[in-house]
């Protein structure tokens, strides 16, 4: 079983559009995993049915049991984050300000603070309109531990792939170089780096390649919107050549991408020429793995 990750050093480079396009060339028994849990949008293009839903818990949170609280003010005085206020003689924790350090729980003389697991999000295993299974998730607004949710999505995708005897798991990864990216890249077979010919696109490609090399993962690059700035496109090609990264293909700027998105479709469903281009890119990836 091979795990192929599609990532970009920045948002807006076209990572999900590329991953969605590639998903059409998978076998029906292969698995798609959306690991961009902070801003998941693969579901917009693949129309999952959310057949199996699971709650995601991570970390601890404190809550005050008002019946036990004596209003002594010890927790409020010692909270480093000013997350506790005394209201009507009772301590109240502001969940948005709280950093879950659990100090109030340790200091409360009345044992009026309880610890609960944090319900941070949900993850799903769905059938999609294109006949493949999708493992995806939603992290609640303001919740932490997106890296752990990414790991959960990958774990569930692997279990499903083993059950279905899948050859490939295609992962739409998170943008950037933070914890969610690290959680998505460990142990994969191959990384597809999606970039664009802009100053930020070039800079972020350099950053994300450092992460890929750190984990000793083979990679190739797709230059999206390749006709927007030919000078920077040439810089990207030179950089890839100097760093042993194959340029898998170029995708010229085309307004048809936006038309397809408004119809909640992948570009490969609406343009045969672009579909053929993606087919060539996918064939190159298969040879690399």
Protein backbone atom coordinates (compact mmCIF):
# COMPACT_ATOMS: atom_id res chain seq x y z
CA UNK A 1 0.00 0.00 0.00
CA UNK A 2 1.37 3.41 -1.02
CA UNK A 3 0.54 6.73 0.65
CA UNK A 4 0.79 9.75 -1.63
CA UNK A 5 0.58 13.19 -0.03
CA UNK A 6 -0.35 16.40 -1.86
CA UNK A 7 0.94 19.47 -0.01
CA UNK A 8 1.89 23.09 -0.59
CA UNK A 9 3.86 25.56 1.47
CA UNK A 10 1.01 28.05 1.35
CA UNK A 11 -2.75 28.17 1.00
CA UNK A 12 -4.29 29.10 -2.34
CA UNK A 13 -1.71 27.36 -4.53
CA UNK A 14 -4.31 24.87 -5.81
CA UNK A 15 -3.40 21.89 -3.63
CA UNK A 16 -6.94 20.61 -3.13
CA UNK A 17 -7.85 21.17 -6.79
CA UNK A 18 -4.84 19.05 -7.76
CA UNK A 19 -5.66 16.34 -5.20
CA UNK A 20 -9.30 16.22 -6.31
CA UNK A 21 -8.27 15.94 -9.96
CA UNK A 22 -5.87 13.08 -9.22
CA UNK A 23 -8.54 11.25 -7.21
CA UNK A 24 -10.45 10.58 -10.44
CA UNK A 25 -7.59 8.36 -11.67
CA UNK A 26 -7.60 6.11 -8.60
CA UNK A 27 -9.15 2.66 -8.56
CA UNK A 28 -12.47 2.48 -6.73
CA UNK A 29 -10.92 0.42 -3.93
CA UNK A 30 -8.31 3.14 -3.24
CA UNK A 31 -8.81 5.65 -0.43
CA UNK A 32 -8.88 9.45 -0.33
CA UNK A 33 -7.99 11.18 2.95
CA UNK A 34 -8.55 14.89 3.56
CA UNK A 35 -6.02 15.88 6.23
CA UNK A 36 -6.57 19.62 5.89
CA UNK A 37 -8.70 19.43 9.03
CA UNK A 38 -8.56 23.15 9.89
CA UNK A 39 -10.12 24.15 6.58
CA UNK A 40 -11.33 20.96 4.90
CA UNK A 41 -12.91 21.46 1.48
CA UNK A 42 -12.43 18.20 -0.43
CA UNK A 43 -16.02 17.41 0.50
CA UNK A 44 -17.22 20.31 -1.66
CA UNK A 45 -15.98 18.56 -4.79
CA UNK A 46 -16.61 14.92 -3.85
CA UNK A 47 -20.04 15.19 -2.15
CA UNK A 48 -19.54 12.63 0.67
CA UNK A 49 -22.54 11.04 2.36
CA UNK A 50 -21.10 11.23 5.94
CA UNK A 51 -22.16 7.61 6.43
CA UNK A 52 -19.97 7.04 9.50
CA UNK A 53 -19.44 9.86 12.01
CA UNK A 54 -17.15 9.76 15.06
CA UNK A 55 -16.41 12.30 17.78
CA UNK A 56 -12.83 13.45 18.27
CA UNK A 57 -11.61 14.15 21.81
CA UNK A 58 -8.20 15.53 22.67
CA UNK A 59 -6.73 17.32 25.68
CA UNK A 60 -8.37 18.33 28.92
CA UNK A 61 -10.57 21.25 29.90
CA UNK A 62 -11.65 22.59 33.30
CA UNK A 63 -15.18 23.44 34.35
CA UNK A 64 -16.36 24.94 37.62
CA UNK A 65 -19.10 23.11 39.54
CA UNK A 66 -20.99 26.16 40.75
CA UNK A 67 -22.68 24.29 43.61
CA UNK A 68 -19.27 23.57 45.16
CA UNK A 69 -17.64 26.94 44.46
CA UNK A 70 -17.29 29.16 47.53
CA UNK A 71 -16.16 32.20 45.55
CA UNK A 72 -12.83 32.36 47.41
CA UNK A 73 -11.07 33.87 44.37
CA UNK A 74 -7.92 31.71 44.58
CA UNK A 75 -8.29 30.42 41.04
CA UNK A 76 -8.95 33.91 39.66
CA UNK A 77 -5.92 35.39 41.46
CA UNK A 78 -3.56 32.68 40.19
CA UNK A 79 -4.75 32.22 36.60
CA UNK A 80 -1.90 33.36 34.35
CA UNK A 81 -4.24 33.87 31.41
CA UNK A 82 -6.95 35.95 33.12
CA UNK A 83 -9.42 33.28 32.02
CA UNK A 84 -11.35 33.15 35.33
CA UNK A 85 -13.75 35.78 36.65
CA UNK A 86 -15.98 35.77 39.74
CA UNK A 87 -19.59 36.35 38.73
CA UNK A 88 -22.33 36.50 41.38
CA UNK A 89 -19.96 34.95 43.89
CA UNK A 90 -18.99 32.01 41.66
CA UNK A 91 -15.89 31.38 39.52
CA UNK A 92 -16.54 31.26 35.78
CA UNK A 93 -13.97 30.05 33.22
CA UNK A 94 -13.81 31.79 29.85
CA UNK A 95 -13.20 28.92 27.41
CA UNK A 96 -11.74 31.22 24.76
CA UNK A 97 -9.08 32.57 27.14
CA UNK A 98 -8.35 29.32 28.96
CA UNK A 99 -5.10 27.55 27.98
CA UNK A 100 -6.02 24.34 29.85
CA UNK A 101 -3.02 24.41 32.17
CA UNK A 102 -5.17 22.82 34.95
CA UNK A 103 -3.74 25.11 37.65
CA UNK A 104 -7.22 26.04 38.89
CA UNK A 105 -8.01 22.35 39.33
CA UNK A 106 -4.90 21.86 41.47
CA UNK A 107 -5.43 24.97 43.62
CA UNK A 108 -9.17 24.82 44.33
CA UNK A 109 -9.68 24.14 48.08
CA UNK A 110 -13.30 23.08 47.50
CA UNK A 111 -12.57 20.60 44.67
CA UNK A 112 -15.05 22.64 42.66
CA UNK A 113 -13.13 22.32 39.40
CA UNK A 114 -13.60 19.18 37.31
CA UNK A 115 -11.55 17.97 34.36
CA UNK A 116 -13.25 16.77 31.19
CA UNK A 117 -11.99 15.51 27.87
CA UNK A 118 -12.26 18.19 25.20
CA UNK A 119 -14.65 17.50 22.34
CA UNK A 120 -12.53 19.09 19.60
CA UNK A 121 -14.11 17.86 16.38
CA UNK A 122 -15.49 15.02 14.31
CA UNK A 123 -14.15 12.63 11.70
CA UNK A 124 -16.06 10.75 9.01
CA UNK A 125 -15.81 7.80 6.66
CA UNK A 126 -17.92 8.49 3.60
CA UNK A 127 -18.89 7.22 0.21
CA UNK A 128 -18.36 9.81 -2.51
CA UNK A 129 -20.05 10.57 -5.79
CA UNK A 130 -17.00 9.28 -7.70
CA UNK A 131 -17.13 5.79 -6.17
CA UNK A 132 -14.18 6.09 -3.77
CA UNK A 133 -14.17 6.19 0.01
CA UNK A 134 -13.22 9.47 1.69
CA UNK A 135 -11.87 9.76 5.24
CA UNK A 136 -12.22 13.36 6.39
CA UNK A 137 -12.68 15.49 9.48
CA UNK A 138 -13.80 18.80 10.93
CA UNK A 139 -11.91 20.53 13.73
CA UNK A 140 -14.18 22.81 15.75
CA UNK A 141 -13.49 26.55 15.68
CA UNK A 142 -10.86 27.54 18.22
CA UNK A 143 -9.95 23.92 19.02
CA UNK A 144 -6.35 22.75 19.35
CA UNK A 145 -4.65 19.47 18.46
CA UNK A 146 -5.16 19.60 14.69
CA UNK A 147 -2.01 17.46 14.34
CA UNK A 148 -3.59 14.71 16.42
CA UNK A 149 -6.76 14.84 14.32
CA UNK A 150 -4.63 14.53 11.17
CA UNK A 151 -3.04 11.42 12.68
CA UNK A 152 -6.50 10.05 13.46
CA UNK A 153 -7.65 10.58 9.86
CA UNK A 154 -4.55 8.84 8.54
CA UNK A 155 -4.97 5.95 10.97
CA UNK A 156 -8.59 5.44 9.93
CA UNK A 157 -7.63 5.65 6.26
CA UNK A 158 -5.01 2.95 6.76
CA UNK A 159 -7.47 0.67 8.54
CA UNK A 160 -9.96 1.11 5.71
CA UNK A 161 -7.27 0.56 3.08
CA UNK A 162 -6.22 -2.72 4.72
CA UNK A 163 -9.84 -3.82 4.92
CA UNK A 164 -10.44 -3.05 1.23
CA UNK A 165 -7.00 -4.26 0.11
CA UNK A 166 -6.33 -0.80 -1.38
CA UNK A 167 -3.18 -0.07 -3.35
CA UNK A 168 -3.11 3.69 -2.71
CA UNK A 169 -4.14 6.25 -0.12
CA UNK A 170 -4.23 9.73 -1.64
CA UNK A 171 -3.86 12.41 1.05
CA UNK A 172 -4.85 16.04 0.64
CA UNK A 173 -2.53 17.55 3.22
CA UNK A 174 -2.68 20.82 5.15
CA UNK A 175 -0.86 23.91 3.87
CA UNK A 176 2.23 25.39 5.50
CA UNK A 177 4.95 23.65 7.51
CA UNK A 178 3.43 23.35 10.99
CA UNK A 179 2.37 20.45 13.21
CA UNK A 180 -0.50 19.25 10.94
CA UNK A 181 1.92 18.99 7.99
CA UNK A 182 4.41 17.01 10.06
CA UNK A 183 1.59 14.68 11.17
CA UNK A 184 0.59 14.17 7.54
CA UNK A 185 4.07 13.54 6.13
CA UNK A 186 5.57 10.95 8.49
CA UNK A 187 5.76 7.52 6.90
CA UNK A 188 4.37 8.43 3.48
CA UNK A 189 5.63 6.99 0.21
CA UNK A 190 5.75 10.10 -1.97
CA UNK A 191 4.98 13.82 -1.70
CA UNK A 192 3.53 15.94 -4.49
CA UNK A 193 4.50 19.57 -3.88
CA UNK A 194 2.08 22.03 -5.44
CA UNK A 195 3.41 25.54 -6.00
CA UNK A 196 2.65 28.62 -8.07
CA UNK A 197 4.99 31.09 -9.81
CA UNK A 198 4.74 33.92 -7.29
CA UNK A 199 7.25 35.30 -4.78
CA UNK A 200 5.40 33.70 -1.86
CA UNK A 201 4.84 30.47 -3.80
CA UNK A 202 8.56 30.12 -4.53
CA UNK A 203 9.56 30.99 -0.95
CA UNK A 204 7.09 28.55 0.58
CA UNK A 205 8.17 25.77 -1.80
CA UNK A 206 11.68 26.12 -0.36
CA UNK A 207 10.30 25.83 3.18
CA UNK A 208 8.11 22.81 2.56
CA UNK A 209 10.89 20.98 0.72
CA UNK A 210 13.05 21.32 3.85
CA UNK A 211 10.37 19.43 5.78
CA UNK A 212 10.11 16.77 3.08
CA UNK A 213 13.88 16.26 3.06
CA UNK A 214 14.00 16.12 6.85
CA UNK A 215 11.70 13.09 6.77
CA UNK A 216 13.63 11.57 3.84
CA UNK A 217 10.55 11.47 1.60
CA UNK A 218 10.80 11.37 -2.18
CA UNK A 219 8.97 14.20 -3.90
CA UNK A 220 7.95 15.79 -7.17
CA UNK A 221 6.62 19.25 -7.96
CA UNK A 222 3.61 20.51 -9.88
CA UNK A 223 3.72 24.14 -10.99
CA UNK A 224 0.14 25.40 -10.95
CA UNK A 225 -0.87 28.61 -12.79
CA UNK A 226 2.44 28.20 -14.59
CA UNK A 227 1.84 30.94 -17.17
CA UNK A 228 1.26 33.73 -14.63
CA UNK A 229 4.95 34.59 -14.12
CA UNK A 230 7.44 32.87 -16.43
CA UNK A 231 10.49 34.34 -14.68
CA UNK A 232 9.58 32.80 -11.32
CA UNK A 233 8.43 29.60 -13.04
CA UNK A 234 11.96 29.26 -14.43
CA UNK A 235 13.40 29.89 -10.94
CA UNK A 236 11.20 27.11 -9.57
CA UNK A 237 12.36 24.71 -12.27
CA UNK A 238 16.01 25.56 -11.58
CA UNK A 239 15.51 25.14 -7.84
CA UNK A 240 13.86 21.74 -8.33
CA UNK A 241 16.64 20.60 -10.63
CA UNK A 242 19.32 21.65 -8.15
CA UNK A 243 17.56 19.86 -5.30
CA UNK A 244 16.74 16.59 -7.03
CA UNK A 245 13.00 17.24 -7.25
CA UNK A 246 11.24 16.13 -10.44
CA UNK A 247 8.89 18.61 -12.08
CA UNK A 248 5.92 16.34 -12.65
CA UNK A 249 4.06 18.82 -14.81
CA UNK A 250 2.81 22.34 -15.36
CA UNK A 251 -0.79 23.49 -15.21
CA UNK A 252 -1.33 26.74 -17.13
CA UNK A 253 -3.59 29.39 -15.62
CA UNK A 254 -7.14 28.78 -16.82
CA UNK A 255 -10.40 30.40 -15.74
CA UNK A 256 -12.13 27.06 -16.30
CA UNK A 257 -10.86 26.00 -12.86
CA UNK A 258 -13.09 28.62 -11.24
CA UNK A 259 -16.05 27.68 -13.41
CA UNK A 260 -15.65 24.04 -12.37
CA UNK A 261 -15.42 25.01 -8.69
CA UNK A 262 -18.65 27.00 -8.86
CA UNK A 263 -20.30 23.85 -10.21
CA UNK A 264 -18.72 21.81 -7.36
CA UNK A 265 -16.78 19.74 -9.89
CA UNK A 266 -13.15 18.89 -10.53
CA UNK A 267 -11.55 20.44 -13.60
CA UNK A 268 -10.97 16.96 -15.07
CA UNK A 269 -14.75 16.60 -15.38
CA UNK A 270 -15.12 19.71 -17.48
CA UNK A 271 -12.05 19.95 -19.74
CA UNK A 272 -10.59 17.00 -21.67
CA UNK A 273 -7.30 18.75 -22.45
CA UNK A 274 -6.59 19.50 -18.80
CA UNK A 275 -7.72 15.99 -17.88
CA UNK A 276 -5.12 14.56 -20.28
CA UNK A 277 -2.48 16.76 -18.64
CA UNK A 278 -3.37 15.42 -15.20
CA UNK A 279 -3.32 11.86 -16.57
CA UNK A 280 0.30 12.38 -17.68
CA UNK A 281 1.18 13.79 -14.28
CA UNK A 282 -0.42 10.81 -12.52
CA UNK A 283 1.39 8.36 -14.79
CA UNK A 284 4.68 9.98 -13.78
CA UNK A 285 3.79 9.66 -10.10
CA UNK A 286 2.98 5.96 -10.51
CA UNK A 287 6.40 5.41 -12.06
CA UNK A 288 8.07 7.23 -9.17
CA UNK A 289 6.44 5.02 -6.54
